[in-house]
Amino acid sequence: MKKTDTHEIYQRRIATAIEYINLHLDEELEVADIAAVAHFSPFHFHRIFKAFRGEPLGRYITRLRVETAAQLLRHTGLPIETIAYNVGFGVPASLNKAFRALYDTTPTEYRSTKNIHIMKTPQINPFFKLKAPKFVELEPRSVICLSLVGEYSGLDFGTAFVRLWAEVKAQKLFSAGIEHICIYHDDPKSTDPVRLRTDVCLVVRKPAAAAGEVRVKTLPGGKYAVFTHTGPYNELGTVYDAIYGEWVPANCTCGDDCQCGDDCKCALRDEPVFEKYCNAPATTTSEKLKTEIYIPIK
């Protein structure tokens, strides 16, 4: 199968997901259900959807609900409360908040002012040229880690790593091969920023013990596709879009309506993505920062 064919298959499967959303807009939409009808792993569906549609799944659903509400406001006489329920908002206040956030006006103002034009086109970032990954087979490794919750850009990674290095010193864990790693359990494009979960980790080669808020856990082994990016950390979102929007479908060998089984070259494992930081931001210019992104595959 040609690579262009697999990309088209992914496009079609995303379209199937969108059709499902359209038909169930007035219901509670679960990610697992949407991913299932499109034959994608729920674990990676957020990133695949974002890569192909240019906006996160949750934002897309909210935008579609609000845009549908706008059409009903303009072309029907239904009460605002009824419209809110019909497009999937549990209470009218939720529609009011989402409507104002998207259009900078309220449903009432929009209905009463016929010359307001509010429809907007979502901004879609073009893919940059993605370098081919290397493939590695990793053994499970022990890490000491601190769990942080909150928006990635607001987390104090530096202090967390300093605290972990203090534990290395206290427990005499120092050895060659200690690595700086962050495990990201959520997609920042689809999860509320205040709920994003991150494990800041040091890979250690000696037996370690938990101490206070510092935990000991095992970094899963297995096969990984490793993408290397050199440049500022704020460019990593574009790298992820290219991975899930270009590389994953281009290397899918399963065919139409697949679920990326064991025979697929890019079969994604339901494990978190993690990043390895190969140099220190305190002593390296942002243009030379080297980050390795580890995508778990079967």
C-alpha atoms as a PDB file:
ATOM      1  CA  MET A   1       0.000   0.000   0.000  1.00  0.00           C
ATOM      2  CA  LYS A   2       1.309   3.429  -0.931  1.00  0.00           C
ATOM      3  CA  LYS A   3       1.972   5.979   1.761  1.00  0.00           C
ATOM      4  CA  THR A   4      -0.473   8.401   0.184  1.00  0.00           C
ATOM      5  CA  ASP A   5      -3.144   5.708   0.447  1.00  0.00           C
ATOM      6  CA  THR A   6      -2.595   5.246   4.181  1.00  0.00           C
ATOM      7  CA  HIS A   7      -2.775   8.997   4.718  1.00  0.00           C
ATOM      8  CA  GLU A   8      -6.090   9.023   2.883  1.00  0.00           C
ATOM      9  CA  ILE A   9      -7.288   6.150   5.055  1.00  0.00           C
ATOM     10  CA  TYR A  10      -6.492   8.132   8.173  1.00  0.00           C
ATOM     11  CA  GLN A  11      -8.316  11.119   6.712  1.00  0.00           C
ATOM     12  CA  ARG A  12     -11.350   8.926   6.091  1.00  0.00           C
ATOM     13  CA  ARG A  13     -11.244   7.491   9.593  1.00  0.00           C
ATOM     14  CA  ILE A  14     -11.039  10.977  11.075  1.00  0.00           C
ATOM     15  CA  ALA A  15     -14.030  11.907   8.912  1.00  0.00           C
ATOM     16  CA  THR A  16     -15.888   8.923  10.386  1.00  0.00           C
ATOM     17  CA  ALA A  17     -15.137  10.223  13.869  1.00  0.00           C
ATOM     18  CA  ILE A  18     -16.403  13.674  12.888  1.00  0.00           C
ATOM     19  CA  GLU A  19     -19.591  12.202  11.463  1.00  0.00           C
ATOM     20  CA  TYR A  20     -20.132  10.351  14.744  1.00  0.00           C
ATOM     21  CA  ILE A  21     -19.664  13.613  16.658  1.00  0.00           C
ATOM     22  CA  ASN A  22     -22.145  15.368  14.379  1.00  0.00           C
ATOM     23  CA  LEU A  23     -24.768  12.686  14.975  1.00  0.00           C
ATOM     24  CA  HIS A  24     -24.308  12.658  18.757  1.00  0.00           C
ATOM     25  CA  LEU A  25     -23.754  16.322  19.443  1.00  0.00           C
ATOM     26  CA  ASP A  26     -26.612  16.427  21.946  1.00  0.00           C
ATOM     27  CA  GLU A  27     -25.144  13.549  23.975  1.00  0.00           C
ATOM     28  CA  GLU A  28     -22.221  13.054  26.332  1.00  0.00           C
ATOM     29  CA  LEU A  29     -19.323  12.335  23.996  1.00  0.00           C
ATOM     30  CA  GLU A  30     -16.687   9.955  25.337  1.00  0.00           C
ATOM     31  CA  VAL A  31     -13.228   9.847  23.770  1.00  0.00           C
ATOM     32  CA  ALA A  32     -13.164   6.041  23.855  1.00  0.00           C
ATOM     33  CA  ASP A  33     -16.413   5.842  21.868  1.00  0.00           C
ATOM     34  CA  ILE A  34     -15.268   8.351  19.240  1.00  0.00           C
ATOM     35  CA  ALA A  35     -11.890   6.610  18.857  1.00  0.00           C
ATOM     36  CA  ALA A  36     -13.582   3.202  18.565  1.00  0.00           C
ATOM     37  CA  VAL A  37     -15.816   4.146  15.625  1.00  0.00           C
ATOM     38  CA  ALA A  38     -12.729   5.431  13.789  1.00  0.00           C
ATOM     39  CA  HIS A  39     -10.621   2.378  14.734  1.00  0.00           C
ATOM     40  CA  PHE A  40      -7.967   4.312  16.637  1.00  0.00           C
ATOM     41  CA  SER A  41      -6.382   3.622  19.989  1.00  0.00           C
ATOM     42  CA  PRO A  42      -8.040   5.869  22.593  1.00  0.00           C
ATOM     43  CA  PHE A  43      -4.630   6.443  24.136  1.00  0.00           C
ATOM     44  CA  HIS A  44      -3.248   8.252  21.067  1.00  0.00           C
ATOM     45  CA  PHE A  45      -6.475   9.491  19.462  1.00  0.00           C
ATOM     46  CA  HIS A  46      -6.206  13.038  20.838  1.00  0.00           C
ATOM     47  CA  ARG A  47      -2.850  13.643  19.172  1.00  0.00           C
ATOM     48  CA  ILE A  48      -3.889  12.034  15.874  1.00  0.00           C
ATOM     49  CA  PHE A  49      -7.062  14.112  15.731  1.00  0.00           C
ATOM     50  CA  LYS A  50      -5.156  17.304  16.546  1.00  0.00           C
ATOM     51  CA  ALA A  51      -2.563  16.575  13.880  1.00  0.00           C
ATOM     52  CA  PHE A  52      -5.175  16.062  11.157  1.00  0.00           C
ATOM     53  CA  ARG A  53      -7.736  18.696  12.112  1.00  0.00           C
ATOM     54  CA  GLY A  54      -5.453  21.415  13.433  1.00  0.00           C
ATOM     55  CA  GLU A  55      -7.283  21.788  16.733  1.00  0.00           C
ATOM     56  CA  PRO A  56      -7.774  19.600  19.811  1.00  0.00           C
ATOM     57  CA  LEU A  57     -10.700  17.190  19.980  1.00  0.00           C
ATOM     58  CA  GLY A  58     -12.312  18.905  22.976  1.00  0.00           C
ATOM     59  CA  ARG A  59     -12.036  22.337  21.382  1.00  0.00           C
ATOM     60  CA  TYR A  60     -13.408  20.982  18.099  1.00  0.00           C
ATOM     61  CA  ILE A  61     -16.479  19.526  19.841  1.00  0.00           C
ATOM     62  CA  THR A  62     -17.106  22.749  21.756  1.00  0.00           C
ATOM     63  CA  ARG A  63     -16.670  24.865  18.618  1.00  0.00           C
ATOM     64  CA  LEU A  64     -19.041  22.639  16.661  1.00  0.00           C
ATOM     65  CA  ARG A  65     -21.638  22.853  19.418  1.00  0.00           C
ATOM     66  CA  VAL A  66     -21.381  26.622  19.578  1.00  0.00           C
ATOM     67  CA  GLU A  67     -21.485  27.019  15.792  1.00  0.00           C
ATOM     68  CA  THR A  68     -24.566  24.783  15.645  1.00  0.00           C
ATOM     69  CA  ALA A  69     -26.142  26.864  18.375  1.00  0.00           C
ATOM     70  CA  ALA A  70     -25.380  30.015  16.356  1.00  0.00           C
ATOM     71  CA  GLN A  71     -27.211  28.580  13.355  1.00  0.00           C
ATOM     72  CA  LEU A  72     -30.219  27.666  15.509  1.00  0.00           C
ATOM     73  CA  LEU A  73     -30.225  31.117  17.074  1.00  0.00           C
ATOM     74  CA  ARG A  74     -30.204  32.797  13.675  1.00  0.00           C
ATOM     75  CA  HIS A  75     -32.613  30.539  11.808  1.00  0.00           C
ATOM     76  CA  THR A  76     -35.083  29.202  14.414  1.00  0.00           C
ATOM     77  CA  GLY A  77     -37.229  30.586  17.173  1.00  0.00           C
ATOM     78  CA  LEU A  78     -36.251  27.923  19.694  1.00  0.00           C
ATOM     79  CA  PRO A  79     -35.659  29.213  23.227  1.00  0.00           C
ATOM     80  CA  ILE A  80     -31.978  29.583  24.123  1.00  0.00           C
ATOM     81  CA  GLU A  81     -32.406  27.007  26.892  1.00  0.00           C
ATOM     82  CA  THR A  82     -33.691  24.438  24.381  1.00  0.00           C
ATOM     83  CA  ILE A  83     -30.873  25.186  21.956  1.00  0.00           C
ATOM     84  CA  ALA A  84     -28.324  24.709  24.738  1.00  0.00           C
ATOM     85  CA  TYR A  85     -29.674  21.245  25.529  1.00  0.00           C
ATOM     86  CA  ASN A  86     -29.987  20.314  21.852  1.00  0.00           C
ATOM     87  CA  VAL A  87     -26.296  20.938  21.186  1.00  0.00           C
ATOM     88  CA  GLY A  88     -25.010  19.123  24.262  1.00  0.00           C
ATOM     89  CA  PHE A  89     -24.639  21.799  26.947  1.00  0.00           C
ATOM     90  CA  GLY A  90     -25.987  20.606  30.272  1.00  0.00           C
ATOM     91  CA  VAL A  91     -27.057  24.083  31.357  1.00  0.00           C
ATOM     92  CA  PRO A  92     -27.705  27.293  29.361  1.00  0.00           C
ATOM     93  CA  ALA A  93     -24.969  29.074  31.331  1.00  0.00           C
ATOM     94  CA  SER A  94     -22.407  26.726  29.775  1.00  0.00           C
ATOM     95  CA  LEU A  95     -23.536  27.700  26.282  1.00  0.00           C
ATOM     96  CA  ASN A  96     -23.377  31.376  27.226  1.00  0.00           C
ATOM     97  CA  LYS A  97     -19.800  31.024  28.495  1.00  0.00           C
ATOM     98  CA  ALA A  98     -18.590  29.031  25.477  1.00  0.00           C
ATOM     99  CA  PHE A  99     -20.374  31.352  23.043  1.00  0.00           C
ATOM    100  CA  ARG A 100     -18.764  34.446  24.535  1.00  0.00           C
ATOM    101  CA  ALA A 101     -15.331  32.782  24.607  1.00  0.00           C
ATOM    102  CA  LEU A 102     -15.538  31.908  20.900  1.00  0.00           C
ATOM    103  CA  TYR A 103     -17.392  34.916  19.484  1.00  0.00           C
ATOM    104  CA  ASP A 104     -17.011  37.692  22.077  1.00  0.00           C
ATOM    105  CA  THR A 105     -20.769  38.121  22.277  1.00  0.00           C
ATOM    106  CA  THR A 106     -23.674  36.342  23.972  1.00  0.00           C
ATOM    107  CA  PRO A 107     -26.358  34.151  22.402  1.00  0.00           C
ATOM    108  CA  THR A 108     -28.971  36.792  23.240  1.00  0.00           C
ATOM    109  CA  GLU A 109     -26.939  39.593  21.634  1.00  0.00           C
ATOM    110  CA  TYR A 110     -26.280  37.484  18.549  1.00  0.00           C
ATOM    111  CA  ARG A 111     -29.957  36.617  18.110  1.00  0.00           C
ATOM    112  CA  SER A 112     -31.072  40.230  18.500  1.00  0.00           C
ATOM    113  CA  THR A 113     -28.370  41.785  16.257  1.00  0.00           C
ATOM    114  CA  LYS A 114     -28.779  40.469  12.735  1.00  0.00           C
ATOM    115  CA  ASN A 115     -25.671  42.119  11.281  1.00  0.00           C
ATOM    116  CA  ILE A 116     -23.175  40.320  13.530  1.00  0.00           C
ATOM    117  CA  HIS A 117     -20.933  37.935  11.549  1.00  0.00           C
ATOM    118  CA  ILE A 118     -19.111  35.620  13.882  1.00  0.00           C
ATOM    119  CA  MET A 119     -18.014  32.502  12.012  1.00  0.00           C
ATOM    120  CA  LYS A 120     -14.285  31.885  12.295  1.00  0.00           C
ATOM    121  CA  THR A 121     -11.920  29.429  10.655  1.00  0.00           C
ATOM    122  CA  PRO A 122      -9.641  27.555  13.058  1.00  0.00           C
ATOM    123  CA  GLN A 123      -5.940  28.184  12.604  1.00  0.00           C
ATOM    124  CA  ILE A 124      -4.118  25.101  11.308  1.00  0.00           C
ATOM    125  CA  ASN A 125      -0.365  25.028  11.624  1.00  0.00           C
ATOM    126  CA  PRO A 126       1.385  23.534   8.565  1.00  0.00           C
ATOM    127  CA  PHE A 127       3.647  20.547   9.163  1.00  0.00           C
ATOM    128  CA  PHE A 128       7.346  21.183   9.095  1.00  0.00           C
ATOM    129  CA  LYS A 129       9.819  18.682   7.635  1.00  0.00           C
ATOM    130  CA  LEU A 130      10.078  15.810  10.098  1.00  0.00           C
ATOM    131  CA  LYS A 131      13.309  13.860  10.329  1.00  0.00           C
ATOM    132  CA  ALA A 132      13.061  10.077  10.239  1.00  0.00           C
ATOM    133  CA  PRO A 133      13.149   8.393  13.655  1.00  0.00           C
ATOM    134  CA  LYS A 134      15.520   5.803  14.942  1.00  0.00           C
ATOM    135  CA  PHE A 135      14.148   2.637  16.506  1.00  0.00           C
ATOM    136  CA  VAL A 136      15.347   1.366  19.845  1.00  0.00           C
ATOM    137  CA  GLU A 137      14.491  -1.507  22.149  1.00  0.00           C
ATOM    138  CA  LEU A 138      14.703  -0.436  25.780  1.00  0.00           C
ATOM    139  CA  GLU A 139      14.839  -2.522  28.906  1.00  0.00           C
ATOM    140  CA  PRO A 140      12.666  -1.426  31.828  1.00  0.00           C
ATOM    141  CA  ARG A 141      14.571   1.142  33.879  1.00  0.00           C
ATOM    142  CA  SER A 142      14.248   2.473  37.393  1.00  0.00           C
ATOM    143  CA  VAL A 143      13.613   6.174  37.900  1.00  0.00           C
ATOM    144  CA  ILE A 144      13.177   8.479  40.840  1.00  0.00           C
ATOM    145  CA  CYS A 145      10.483  11.008  40.126  1.00  0.00           C
ATOM    146  CA  LEU A 146       8.355  13.866  41.293  1.00  0.00           C
ATOM    147  CA  SER A 147       4.770  14.191  40.097  1.00  0.00           C
ATOM    148  CA  LEU A 148       3.653  17.655  39.032  1.00  0.00           C
ATOM    149  CA  VAL A 149       0.186  18.827  38.040  1.00  0.00           C
ATOM    150  CA  GLY A 150      -0.599  21.908  36.010  1.00  0.00           C
ATOM    151  CA  GLU A 151       0.092  23.710  32.752  1.00  0.00           C
ATOM    152  CA  TYR A 152       3.436  22.603  31.344  1.00  0.00           C
ATOM    153  CA  SER A 153       4.696  26.112  30.723  1.00  0.00           C
ATOM    154  CA  GLY A 154       4.033  27.020  34.351  1.00  0.00           C
ATOM    155  CA  LEU A 155       5.688  24.024  36.012  1.00  0.00           C
ATOM    156  CA  ASP A 156       8.980  24.462  37.834  1.00  0.00           C
ATOM    157  CA  PHE A 157      10.945  21.684  36.154  1.00  0.00           C
ATOM    158  CA  GLY A 158      14.250  23.149  37.295  1.00  0.00           C
ATOM    159  CA  THR A 159      13.399  22.957  40.987  1.00  0.00           C
ATOM    160  CA  ALA A 160      12.046  19.428  40.523  1.00  0.00           C
ATOM    161  CA  PHE A 161      15.298  18.240  38.948  1.00  0.00           C
ATOM    162  CA  VAL A 162      17.307  19.964  41.694  1.00  0.00           C
ATOM    163  CA  ARG A 163      15.236  18.091  44.300  1.00  0.00           C
ATOM    164  CA  LEU A 164      15.864  14.796  42.511  1.00  0.00           C
ATOM    165  CA  TRP A 165      19.594  15.440  42.310  1.00  0.00           C
ATOM    166  CA  ALA A 166      19.585  16.131  46.048  1.00  0.00           C
ATOM    167  CA  GLU A 167      18.128  12.644  46.500  1.00  0.00           C
ATOM    168  CA  VAL A 168      20.834  11.203  44.251  1.00  0.00           C
ATOM    169  CA  LYS A 169      23.387  12.733  46.587  1.00  0.00           C
ATOM    170  CA  ALA A 170      21.563  11.682  49.782  1.00  0.00           C
ATOM    171  CA  GLN A 171      21.179   8.058  48.676  1.00  0.00           C
ATOM    172  CA  LYS A 172      24.558   7.917  46.913  1.00  0.00           C
ATOM    173  CA  LEU A 173      22.919   7.033  43.616  1.00  0.00           C
ATOM    174  CA  PHE A 174      25.398   8.817  41.390  1.00  0.00           C
ATOM    175  CA  SER A 175      26.754   6.813  38.458  1.00  0.00           C
ATOM    176  CA  ALA A 176      27.317   7.211  34.751  1.00  0.00           C
ATOM    177  CA  GLY A 177      24.208   7.175  32.594  1.00  0.00           C
ATOM    178  CA  ILE A 178      21.777   9.211  34.690  1.00  0.00           C
ATOM    179  CA  GLU A 179      19.201  10.668  32.284  1.00  0.00           C
ATOM    180  CA  HIS A 180      16.774  13.596  32.582  1.00  0.00           C
ATOM    181  CA  ILE A 181      13.315  12.498  31.477  1.00  0.00           C
ATOM    182  CA  CYS A 182       9.764  13.783  31.673  1.00  0.00           C
ATOM    183  CA  ILE A 183       6.766  11.503  31.227  1.00  0.00           C
ATOM    184  CA  TYR A 184       3.687  13.318  29.960  1.00  0.00           C
ATOM    185  CA  HIS A 185       0.459  11.518  30.766  1.00  0.00           C
ATOM    186  CA  ASP A 186      -1.902  13.968  29.066  1.00  0.00           C
ATOM    187  CA  ASP A 187      -2.140  15.855  25.783  1.00  0.00           C
ATOM    188  CA  PRO A 188      -1.908  19.606  26.469  1.00  0.00           C
ATOM    189  CA  LYS A 189      -4.139  20.245  23.454  1.00  0.00           C
ATOM    190  CA  SER A 190      -7.051  18.301  24.925  1.00  0.00           C
ATOM    191  CA  THR A 191      -6.742  18.302  28.726  1.00  0.00           C
ATOM    192  CA  ASP A 192      -7.571  21.215  31.004  1.00  0.00           C
ATOM    193  CA  PRO A 193      -4.189  22.856  31.740  1.00  0.00           C
ATOM    194  CA  VAL A 194      -4.713  22.714  35.500  1.00  0.00           C
ATOM    195  CA  ARG A 195      -5.085  18.910  35.288  1.00  0.00           C
ATOM    196  CA  LEU A 196      -2.058  18.048  33.156  1.00  0.00           C
ATOM    197  CA  ARG A 197       0.042  15.332  34.805  1.00  0.00           C
ATOM    198  CA  THR A 198       3.824  15.161  34.479  1.00  0.00           C
ATOM    199  CA  ASP A 199       6.420  12.891  36.072  1.00  0.00           C
ATOM    200  CA  VAL A 200       9.809  14.599  36.268  1.00  0.00           C
ATOM    201  CA  CYS A 201      12.355  11.777  36.417  1.00  0.00           C
ATOM    202  CA  LEU A 202      15.994  10.828  36.692  1.00  0.00           C
ATOM    203  CA  VAL A 203      16.937   7.407  35.358  1.00  0.00           C
ATOM    204  CA  VAL A 204      19.177   5.855  38.008  1.00  0.00           C
ATOM    205  CA  ARG A 205      21.368   2.758  37.798  1.00  0.00           C
ATOM    206  CA  LYS A 206      21.490   1.934  41.503  1.00  0.00           C
ATOM    207  CA  PRO A 207      18.677   0.735  43.820  1.00  0.00           C
ATOM    208  CA  ALA A 208      16.754   3.730  45.162  1.00  0.00           C
ATOM    209  CA  ALA A 209      14.184   4.218  47.898  1.00  0.00           C
ATOM    210  CA  ALA A 210      11.181   6.527  48.084  1.00  0.00           C
ATOM    211  CA  ALA A 211      11.770   9.620  50.198  1.00  0.00           C
ATOM    212  CA  GLY A 212       9.056  12.130  50.994  1.00  0.00           C
ATOM    213  CA  GLU A 213       7.409  13.253  47.747  1.00  0.00           C
ATOM    214  CA  VAL A 214      10.101  11.504  45.684  1.00  0.00           C
ATOM    215  CA  ARG A 215       8.822   8.217  44.311  1.00  0.00           C
ATOM    216  CA  VAL A 216      10.525   5.254  42.682  1.00  0.00           C
ATOM    217  CA  LYS A 217       8.899   3.735  39.598  1.00  0.00           C
ATOM    218  CA  THR A 218       9.780   1.714  36.535  1.00  0.00           C
ATOM    219  CA  LEU A 219       9.981   3.272  33.097  1.00  0.00           C
ATOM    220  CA  PRO A 220       8.405   0.677  30.764  1.00  0.00           C
ATOM    221  CA  GLY A 221      10.684  -1.086  28.349  1.00  0.00           C
ATOM    222  CA  GLY A 222       9.875  -2.128  24.816  1.00  0.00           C
ATOM    223  CA  LYS A 223      10.257  -0.733  21.344  1.00  0.00           C
ATOM    224  CA  TYR A 224      10.236   3.006  20.700  1.00  0.00           C
ATOM    225  CA  ALA A 225      10.407   5.270  17.686  1.00  0.00           C
ATOM    226  CA  VAL A 226      12.715   8.101  18.733  1.00  0.00           C
ATOM    227  CA  PHE A 227      12.406  11.527  17.115  1.00  0.00           C
ATOM    228  CA  THR A 228      15.154  14.078  17.763  1.00  0.00           C
ATOM    229  CA  HIS A 229      14.454  17.799  17.778  1.00  0.00           C
ATOM    230  CA  THR A 230      17.068  20.516  18.113  1.00  0.00           C
ATOM    231  CA  GLY A 231      15.627  23.880  19.045  1.00  0.00           C
ATOM    232  CA  PRO A 232      13.433  25.637  21.624  1.00  0.00           C
ATOM    233  CA  TYR A 233      11.099  23.567  23.748  1.00  0.00           C
ATOM    234  CA  ASN A 234       8.111  25.614  22.565  1.00  0.00           C
ATOM    235  CA  GLU A 235       8.532  24.077  19.093  1.00  0.00           C
ATOM    236  CA  LEU A 236       7.836  20.558  20.354  1.00  0.00           C
ATOM    237  CA  GLY A 237       4.096  20.840  19.771  1.00  0.00           C
ATOM    238  CA  THR A 238       4.753  21.149  16.035  1.00  0.00           C
ATOM    239  CA  VAL A 239       6.965  18.059  16.188  1.00  0.00           C
ATOM    240  CA  TYR A 240       4.158  16.053  17.810  1.00  0.00           C
ATOM    241  CA  ASP A 241       1.687  17.219  15.163  1.00  0.00           C
ATOM    242  CA  ALA A 242       4.046  16.005  12.441  1.00  0.00           C
ATOM    243  CA  ILE A 243       4.625  12.652  14.170  1.00  0.00           C
ATOM    244  CA  TYR A 244       0.939  11.862  14.545  1.00  0.00           C
ATOM    245  CA  GLY A 245      -0.199  13.583  11.360  1.00  0.00           C
ATOM    246  CA  GLU A 246       2.534  12.428   8.966  1.00  0.00           C
ATOM    247  CA  TRP A 247       4.704   9.654  10.271  1.00  0.00           C
ATOM    248  CA  VAL A 248       2.070   7.455  11.939  1.00  0.00           C
ATOM    249  CA  PRO A 249      -0.302   7.214   8.942  1.00  0.00           C
ATOM    250  CA  ALA A 250       2.555   7.047   6.432  1.00  0.00           C
ATOM    251  CA  ASN A 251       3.947   3.980   8.187  1.00  0.00           C
ATOM    252  CA  CYS A 252       0.668   2.215   8.852  1.00  0.00           C
ATOM    253  CA  THR A 253       0.586  -1.058   6.920  1.00  0.00           C
ATOM    254  CA  CYS A 254      -2.681  -2.464   8.265  1.00  0.00           C
ATOM    255  CA  GLY A 255      -4.982  -1.186   5.547  1.00  0.00           C
ATOM    256  CA  ASP A 256      -8.464   0.284   5.761  1.00  0.00           C
ATOM    257  CA  ASP A 257     -10.396   0.251   9.058  1.00  0.00           C
ATOM    258  CA  CYS A 258      -7.419  -1.149  10.928  1.00  0.00           C
ATOM    259  CA  GLN A 259      -6.692  -0.791  14.596  1.00  0.00           C
ATOM    260  CA  CYS A 260      -2.934  -0.966  14.143  1.00  0.00           C
ATOM    261  CA  GLY A 261      -2.422  -4.565  15.122  1.00  0.00           C
ATOM    262  CA  ASP A 262       0.808  -6.416  15.758  1.00  0.00           C
ATOM    263  CA  ASP A 263       1.666  -6.574  12.040  1.00  0.00           C
ATOM    264  CA  CYS A 264       1.615  -2.799  11.626  1.00  0.00           C
ATOM    265  CA  LYS A 265       4.999  -1.077  11.494  1.00  0.00           C
ATOM    266  CA  CYS A 266       3.751   1.887  13.507  1.00  0.00           C
ATOM    267  CA  ALA A 267       1.427   0.080  15.946  1.00  0.00           C
ATOM    268  CA  LEU A 268       1.249   2.364  18.955  1.00  0.00           C
ATOM    269  CA  ARG A 269       1.416   0.866  22.411  1.00  0.00           C
ATOM    270  CA  ASP A 270      -0.901   2.224  25.089  1.00  0.00           C
ATOM    271  CA  GLU A 271       1.972   3.693  27.071  1.00  0.00           C
ATOM    272  CA  PRO A 272       2.812   7.344  27.740  1.00  0.00           C
ATOM    273  CA  VAL A 273       5.142   9.298  25.529  1.00  0.00           C
ATOM    274  CA  PHE A 274       8.265  10.553  27.257  1.00  0.00           C
ATOM    275  CA  GLU A 275      10.951  13.081  26.457  1.00  0.00           C
ATOM    276  CA  LYS A 276      14.669  12.899  27.178  1.00  0.00           C
ATOM    277  CA  TYR A 277      16.613  16.151  27.544  1.00  0.00           C
ATOM    278  CA  CYS A 278      20.121  15.723  26.233  1.00  0.00           C
ATOM    279  CA  ASN A 279      21.603  19.038  27.371  1.00  0.00           C
ATOM    280  CA  ALA A 280      20.960  21.588  30.105  1.00  0.00           C
ATOM    281  CA  PRO A 281      18.846  24.681  29.336  1.00  0.00           C
ATOM    282  CA  ALA A 282      20.844  26.646  31.917  1.00  0.00           C
ATOM    283  CA  THR A 283      24.038  26.301  29.863  1.00  0.00           C
ATOM    284  CA  THR A 284      22.664  25.806  26.336  1.00  0.00           C
ATOM    285  CA  THR A 285      21.099  28.341  23.988  1.00  0.00           C
ATOM    286  CA  SER A 286      17.501  27.564  23.053  1.00  0.00           C
ATOM    287  CA  GLU A 287      18.435  26.954  19.406  1.00  0.00           C
ATOM    288  CA  LYS A 288      20.785  24.142  20.448  1.00  0.00           C
ATOM    289  CA  LEU A 289      18.573  22.381  22.973  1.00  0.00           C
ATOM    290  CA  LYS A 290      18.337  18.706  22.012  1.00  0.00           C
ATOM    291  CA  THR A 291      15.216  16.734  22.895  1.00  0.00           C
ATOM    292  CA  GLU A 292      14.452  13.106  22.113  1.00  0.00           C
ATOM    293  CA  ILE A 293      10.776  12.152  21.899  1.00  0.00           C
ATOM    294  CA  TYR A 294      10.071   8.493  22.577  1.00  0.00           C
ATOM    295  CA  ILE A 295       6.902   7.126  20.962  1.00  0.00           C
ATOM    296  CA  PRO A 296       6.013   3.622  22.234  1.00  0.00           C
ATOM    297  CA  ILE A 297       5.359   1.178  19.391  1.00  0.00           C
ATOM    298  CA  LYS A 298       4.773  -2.574  19.182  1.00  0.00           C
END
